[in-house]
Protein backbone atom coordinates (compact mmCIF):
# COMPACT_ATOMS: atom_id res chain seq x y z
CA MET A 1 39.50 -56.36 35.01
CA PRO A 2 40.08 -53.53 32.52
CA GLU A 3 40.23 -50.17 34.29
CA VAL A 4 40.55 -46.58 33.05
CA PRO A 5 43.85 -47.07 31.17
CA GLU A 6 42.75 -50.21 29.32
CA MET A 7 39.37 -48.74 28.39
CA GLU A 8 41.01 -45.48 27.29
CA ILE A 9 43.31 -47.46 25.00
CA TYR A 10 40.31 -49.32 23.60
CA LYS A 11 38.57 -45.99 23.04
CA ASN A 12 41.56 -44.57 21.17
CA TYR A 13 41.88 -47.64 18.95
CA LEU A 14 38.15 -47.69 18.21
CA ASN A 15 38.12 -44.03 17.22
CA GLN A 16 41.08 -44.69 14.96
CA TRP A 17 39.67 -47.78 13.24
CA VAL A 18 35.91 -47.99 13.81
CA LYS A 19 34.69 -44.39 13.98
CA GLY A 20 32.66 -43.54 10.87
CA LYS A 21 32.05 -47.18 9.93
CA GLU A 22 28.61 -48.63 9.31
CA ILE A 23 27.47 -51.78 11.07
CA SER A 24 26.37 -53.95 8.14
CA GLU A 25 25.62 -57.15 10.03
CA VAL A 26 25.13 -58.25 13.64
CA LYS A 27 25.60 -61.71 15.16
CA ILE A 28 24.63 -62.48 18.75
CA LEU A 29 26.25 -65.59 20.20
CA ARG A 30 25.30 -64.93 23.81
CA ALA A 31 21.79 -63.53 24.28
CA LYS A 32 22.39 -62.63 27.95
CA SER A 33 25.05 -60.12 26.89
CA ILE A 34 22.47 -57.76 25.35
CA ASN A 35 19.41 -56.01 26.81
CA LEU A 36 16.87 -56.65 24.04
CA GLU A 37 15.49 -59.60 22.15
CA LEU A 38 17.98 -60.78 19.53
CA SER A 39 15.89 -59.68 16.56
CA GLU A 40 15.12 -56.27 18.09
CA PHE A 41 18.74 -55.60 19.02
CA SER A 42 19.97 -56.56 15.55
CA ALA A 43 17.29 -54.45 13.84
CA LYS A 44 18.17 -51.37 15.90
CA VAL A 45 21.94 -51.70 15.45
CA GLN A 46 22.24 -52.94 11.87
CA GLY A 47 22.73 -50.12 9.38
CA LYS A 48 23.79 -47.61 12.03
CA ARG A 49 26.95 -45.57 11.50
CA ILE A 50 29.30 -45.07 14.44
CA LYS A 51 29.79 -41.34 15.04
CA GLU A 52 32.22 -41.56 17.94
CA ILE A 53 33.35 -43.75 20.82
CA ARG A 54 33.55 -42.20 24.29
CA ARG A 55 34.69 -43.50 27.66
CA ARG A 56 33.31 -42.87 31.13
CA GLY A 57 35.02 -44.82 33.88
CA LYS A 58 35.08 -48.45 32.74
CA TYR A 59 32.27 -47.90 30.21
CA LEU A 60 32.63 -47.40 26.48
CA ILE A 61 29.84 -45.52 24.71
CA PHE A 62 29.25 -45.92 20.98
CA ASP A 63 27.43 -42.83 19.64
CA PHE A 64 25.43 -43.42 16.47
CA GLU A 65 25.00 -40.71 13.84
CA GLU A 66 21.31 -41.60 13.70
CA GLY A 67 20.92 -41.20 17.48
CA ASP A 68 20.88 -43.65 20.40
CA PHE A 69 23.86 -45.44 21.86
CA LEU A 70 25.56 -48.71 22.72
CA LEU A 71 26.94 -48.94 26.25
CA THR A 72 29.46 -51.69 26.96
CA HIS A 73 31.19 -52.81 30.13
CA MET A 74 33.89 -55.48 29.93
CA MET A 75 33.61 -56.48 33.62
CA LEU A 76 36.26 -59.07 34.54
CA ASP A 77 37.10 -60.98 31.37
CA GLY A 78 35.51 -59.04 28.51
CA ARG A 79 37.74 -58.14 25.59
CA LEU A 80 37.48 -56.42 22.19
CA PHE A 81 39.13 -57.66 19.03
CA LEU A 82 39.26 -56.09 15.57
CA LEU A 83 39.75 -58.25 12.49
CA LYS A 84 40.61 -57.13 8.98
CA LEU A 85 39.12 -59.49 6.44
CA ASP A 86 42.03 -61.02 4.60
CA SER A 87 43.44 -64.51 4.55
CA GLU A 88 46.52 -63.57 6.60
CA THR A 89 44.41 -62.79 9.69
CA LEU A 90 42.76 -66.19 9.81
CA LYS A 91 44.13 -69.51 11.03
CA LYS A 92 42.67 -71.39 8.11
CA THR A 93 40.49 -70.52 5.18
CA ASP A 94 40.76 -73.72 3.14
CA SER A 95 39.55 -72.87 -0.35
CA GLN A 96 37.45 -69.91 0.77
CA LYS A 97 38.08 -66.77 -1.25
CA ALA A 98 38.62 -63.44 0.48
CA GLU A 99 35.19 -62.14 -0.55
CA ASN A 100 33.54 -65.00 1.37
CA LEU A 101 35.39 -64.53 4.65
CA GLN A 102 32.69 -62.35 6.21
CA SER A 103 30.08 -65.01 5.55
CA VAL A 104 32.35 -67.69 7.01
CA ILE A 105 32.81 -65.69 10.21
CA MET A 106 29.23 -64.51 10.60
CA GLU A 107 27.89 -68.01 10.07
CA SER A 108 30.31 -69.74 12.43
CA SER A 109 29.63 -70.81 16.01
CA ALA A 110 31.65 -69.50 18.94
CA GLU A 111 33.57 -72.77 19.06
CA GLU A 112 34.31 -72.68 15.34
CA LEU A 113 35.54 -69.10 15.55
CA LYS A 114 38.21 -70.06 18.08
CA SER A 115 39.73 -72.36 15.48
CA ILE A 116 39.34 -69.89 12.60
CA VAL A 117 40.43 -66.46 13.88
CA LYS A 118 44.02 -65.84 14.96
CA ASP A 119 44.55 -64.16 18.34
CA LEU A 120 40.83 -64.10 19.20
CA PRO A 121 40.87 -63.30 22.96
CA GLY A 122 38.28 -65.79 24.08
CA ARG A 123 34.74 -66.83 23.22
CA ALA A 124 32.89 -64.41 20.94
CA SER A 125 29.67 -63.05 22.49
CA VAL A 126 28.65 -60.37 19.94
CA ILE A 127 30.05 -59.69 16.47
CA PHE A 128 29.66 -56.62 14.23
CA ALA A 129 30.54 -56.73 10.56
CA LEU A 130 31.59 -53.20 9.61
CA SER A 131 32.17 -51.34 6.38
CA ASP A 132 35.67 -51.52 4.85
CA ASP A 133 35.99 -55.26 5.59
CA LEU A 134 36.32 -54.96 9.36
CA ILE A 135 34.88 -57.29 11.98
CA LEU A 136 34.57 -56.19 15.61
CA PHE A 137 34.33 -58.95 18.22
CA PHE A 138 33.03 -58.51 21.77
CA CYS A 139 34.46 -61.53 23.57
CA ASN A 140 33.95 -63.16 26.97
CA LEU A 141 30.95 -61.05 27.97
CA THR A 142 29.97 -63.59 30.61
CA LEU A 143 29.59 -60.85 33.20
CA GLY A 144 30.04 -57.93 30.82
CA TYR A 145 27.36 -56.61 28.50
CA LEU A 146 26.46 -54.54 25.45
CA HIS A 147 23.26 -52.53 25.85
CA TYR A 148 21.32 -50.47 23.32
CA LEU A 149 20.07 -47.30 25.05
CA ASP A 150 18.35 -44.04 24.23
CA GLN A 151 19.56 -40.73 25.67
CA VAL A 152 17.36 -40.86 28.76
CA ASN A 153 18.45 -44.35 29.78
CA LEU A 154 22.11 -43.63 29.01
CA ASP A 155 22.03 -40.51 31.17
CA ALA A 156 20.41 -42.44 34.01
CA LYS A 157 23.12 -45.10 33.84
CA LEU A 158 25.99 -42.63 33.77
CA GLN A 159 24.54 -40.58 36.64
CA GLU A 160 25.31 -43.54 38.90
CA LEU A 161 29.03 -42.93 38.40
CA GLY A 162 31.36 -40.69 40.34
CA LYS A 163 33.96 -38.41 38.82
CA ASP A 164 36.25 -39.82 36.16
CA PRO A 165 39.87 -39.33 37.26
CA LEU A 166 40.82 -37.90 33.85
CA GLU A 167 38.01 -35.33 33.63
CA PRO A 168 39.67 -31.97 32.82
CA ASP A 169 37.74 -30.12 35.53
CA PHE A 170 38.44 -32.68 38.27
CA ASN A 171 41.25 -31.51 40.56
CA ASN A 172 42.85 -31.88 44.00
CA GLN A 173 40.28 -29.65 45.66
CA ASP A 174 37.37 -31.64 44.23
CA PHE A 175 38.99 -34.89 45.34
CA ALA A 176 39.48 -33.57 48.87
CA LYS A 177 35.82 -32.51 49.04
CA LEU A 178 34.73 -36.01 48.05
CA LEU A 179 36.80 -37.46 50.91
CA LYS A 180 35.59 -34.99 53.52
CA GLY A 181 33.60 -36.63 56.28
CA LYS A 182 33.92 -40.12 54.80
CA ARG A 183 34.72 -43.21 56.85
CA GLY A 184 36.11 -46.62 56.07
CA MET A 185 39.39 -47.65 54.45
CA ILE A 186 40.84 -45.70 51.55
CA LYS A 187 41.34 -48.58 49.10
CA PRO A 188 37.68 -49.70 48.97
CA TRP A 189 36.68 -46.03 48.75
CA LEU A 190 38.87 -45.53 45.68
CA MET A 191 37.40 -48.62 44.04
CA ASN A 192 33.77 -47.61 44.58
CA PRO A 193 32.52 -46.32 41.18
CA LYS A 194 30.08 -44.00 42.94
CA ASN A 195 33.10 -42.13 44.33
CA ILE A 196 35.65 -42.36 41.50
CA SER A 197 34.68 -44.11 38.27
CA GLY A 198 36.99 -46.57 36.58
CA VAL A 199 39.52 -47.31 39.31
CA GLY A 200 39.87 -50.98 40.21
CA ASN A 201 42.22 -53.22 42.10
CA ALA A 202 45.39 -52.76 40.06
CA TYR A 203 45.56 -48.97 39.93
CA SER A 204 44.23 -48.36 43.44
CA ASN A 205 47.16 -50.43 44.72
CA GLU A 206 49.63 -48.56 42.54
CA ALA A 207 48.31 -45.11 43.40
CA LEU A 208 48.39 -45.84 47.14
CA PHE A 209 51.98 -47.08 46.90
CA SER A 210 53.03 -44.02 44.92
CA ALA A 211 51.40 -41.81 47.56
CA GLY A 212 52.96 -43.76 50.46
CA ILE A 213 49.57 -44.63 51.97
CA LEU A 214 48.59 -48.06 53.27
CA PRO A 215 45.42 -49.50 51.69
CA THR A 216 43.97 -50.02 55.19
CA ARG A 217 44.29 -46.38 56.20
CA GLY A 218 41.03 -44.80 57.26
CA VAL A 219 39.83 -42.04 54.96
CA SER A 220 39.29 -39.79 57.98
CA THR A 221 42.98 -40.09 58.97
CA LEU A 222 44.32 -38.57 55.76
CA ASP A 223 45.57 -35.01 56.06
CA ALA A 224 45.37 -32.39 53.32
CA ALA A 225 48.85 -33.10 51.98
CA GLU A 226 48.17 -36.84 51.77
CA LYS A 227 44.91 -36.27 49.92
CA GLU A 228 46.62 -34.02 47.41
CA ASN A 229 49.46 -36.48 46.95
CA LEU A 230 47.04 -39.37 46.49
CA PHE A 231 45.08 -37.58 43.78
CA ASP A 232 48.26 -36.61 41.93
CA SER A 233 49.57 -40.17 42.25
CA LEU A 234 46.32 -41.67 40.93
CA VAL A 235 46.25 -39.44 37.86
CA ARG A 236 49.96 -39.92 37.19
CA VAL A 237 49.78 -43.73 37.41
CA ILE A 238 46.75 -43.83 35.11
CA ARG A 239 48.34 -41.53 32.53
CA ASP A 240 51.61 -43.47 32.64
CA SER A 241 49.74 -46.71 32.05
CA ILE A 242 47.86 -45.26 29.07
CA ARG A 243 51.12 -43.97 27.60
CA LEU A 244 52.80 -47.36 27.96
CA GLY A 245 49.94 -49.62 26.83
CA GLY A 246 47.94 -50.60 29.90
CA ASP A 247 47.83 -53.98 31.59
CA MET A 248 45.85 -56.33 29.32
CA GLU A 249 47.78 -59.19 27.75
CA GLU A 250 45.36 -59.71 24.84
CA PRO A 251 45.96 -57.46 21.81
CA PHE A 252 43.21 -55.37 20.22
CA ALA A 253 44.15 -56.71 16.77
CA SER A 254 46.73 -59.07 15.31
CA TRP A 255 49.02 -56.12 14.54
CA ASP A 256 48.76 -54.63 18.06
CA ASP A 257 52.08 -54.80 19.90
CA PHE A 258 51.28 -51.84 22.18
CA THR A 259 48.55 -53.19 24.45
CA GLY A 260 49.90 -54.63 27.71
CA GLY A 261 53.08 -52.59 27.75
CA TYR A 262 52.57 -51.28 31.28
CA ASN A 263 52.66 -54.69 32.95
CA PRO A 264 56.42 -54.64 33.76
CA TYR A 265 56.06 -51.24 35.44
CA PHE A 266 53.78 -52.25 38.31
CA LYS A 267 55.47 -51.47 41.62
CA VAL A 268 53.28 -53.52 44.00
CA TYR A 269 50.32 -55.00 42.15
CA ASP A 270 50.63 -58.80 41.88
CA ARG A 271 54.21 -58.70 43.23
CA THR A 272 53.71 -60.57 46.53
CA GLY A 273 57.02 -61.63 48.07
CA LYS A 274 59.12 -59.69 45.57
CA PRO A 275 61.40 -56.88 46.79
CA CYS A 276 60.06 -53.35 46.86
CA LEU A 277 61.68 -51.40 44.04
CA VAL A 278 62.24 -48.49 46.42
CA CYS A 279 63.41 -49.99 49.74
CA GLY A 280 63.94 -53.69 49.00
CA GLU A 281 61.49 -55.03 51.62
CA ASP A 282 59.15 -57.80 50.47
CA ILE A 283 55.81 -56.72 49.00
CA GLN A 284 52.94 -58.06 51.09
CA LYS A 285 49.37 -59.02 50.27
CA SER A 286 46.25 -58.91 52.42
CA GLU A 287 42.52 -58.82 51.86
CA VAL A 288 41.00 -55.37 52.11
CA GLY A 289 37.34 -54.81 51.39
CA GLY A 290 37.07 -58.23 49.80
CA ARG A 291 39.90 -57.61 47.33
CA ASN A 292 43.63 -58.29 47.35
CA ALA A 293 45.72 -55.37 48.52
CA PHE A 294 49.43 -55.27 47.60
CA PHE A 295 51.67 -52.93 49.55
CA CYS A 296 55.10 -52.24 50.98
CA PRO A 297 54.98 -52.18 54.80
CA HIS A 298 58.01 -49.88 54.89
CA CYS A 299 57.17 -47.31 52.22
CA GLN A 300 53.46 -47.03 53.02
CA LYS A 301 52.11 -45.68 56.30
């Protein structure tokens, strides 16, 4: 599941390529991925110009110049893909001329698109045709979604979230206050979006390893130094992942060779049975809070 680093990378790419573009056409291939009737959603979105793309936790927020917003959550398998309309980005165009490529794409089924578009990361759920010959695909929104919201409903949705780990005003002291008086194990606490928004299985494992704390440790057992170290470790791991490309294997566009660059740098996540890069002992896996926890029994206490 995309977490803070992957969504931050998406946000940066979108602001580079999609910010300022107008949505000229909308195609909905999975009605359950949106929150309105197909015709109403298309009517509200079509013709809108994208002012900015923001991130909060695992959410991306598309701000429109005309007001209102699109809120998207990728959930487990959701992916974004940007296509530039030229013949080199498609698997096959037959005799279609470049000026007809948008029509070909917007009139194709999800199955047809998989055989037409190179590198498409799954089944298209929602498609936006944008100005300057760009097509933005929202793929695999089986659990994920794309919702059109006004300010009131957007604020209500975001109020459900805890602090974002990259918020400038969020620090060690704030983190310690959040932990004060809490019970339960630290890993599920980190992954609860009402506590910290945007941290999932991969980066909770990595942050706990970096801080030398077992995922099963009770929150109430952490001392002040451990809390400070855990916060610093969490922010450092997230920033390192953003700098190196995050964890997703699927590129944002056919030219994207940056996304996924952090994968070789995981210390414990998905490394069961492999030697710890610090002490050499085998990395272990157990179920904690219904999710897989990866840890080093020697380096983490």
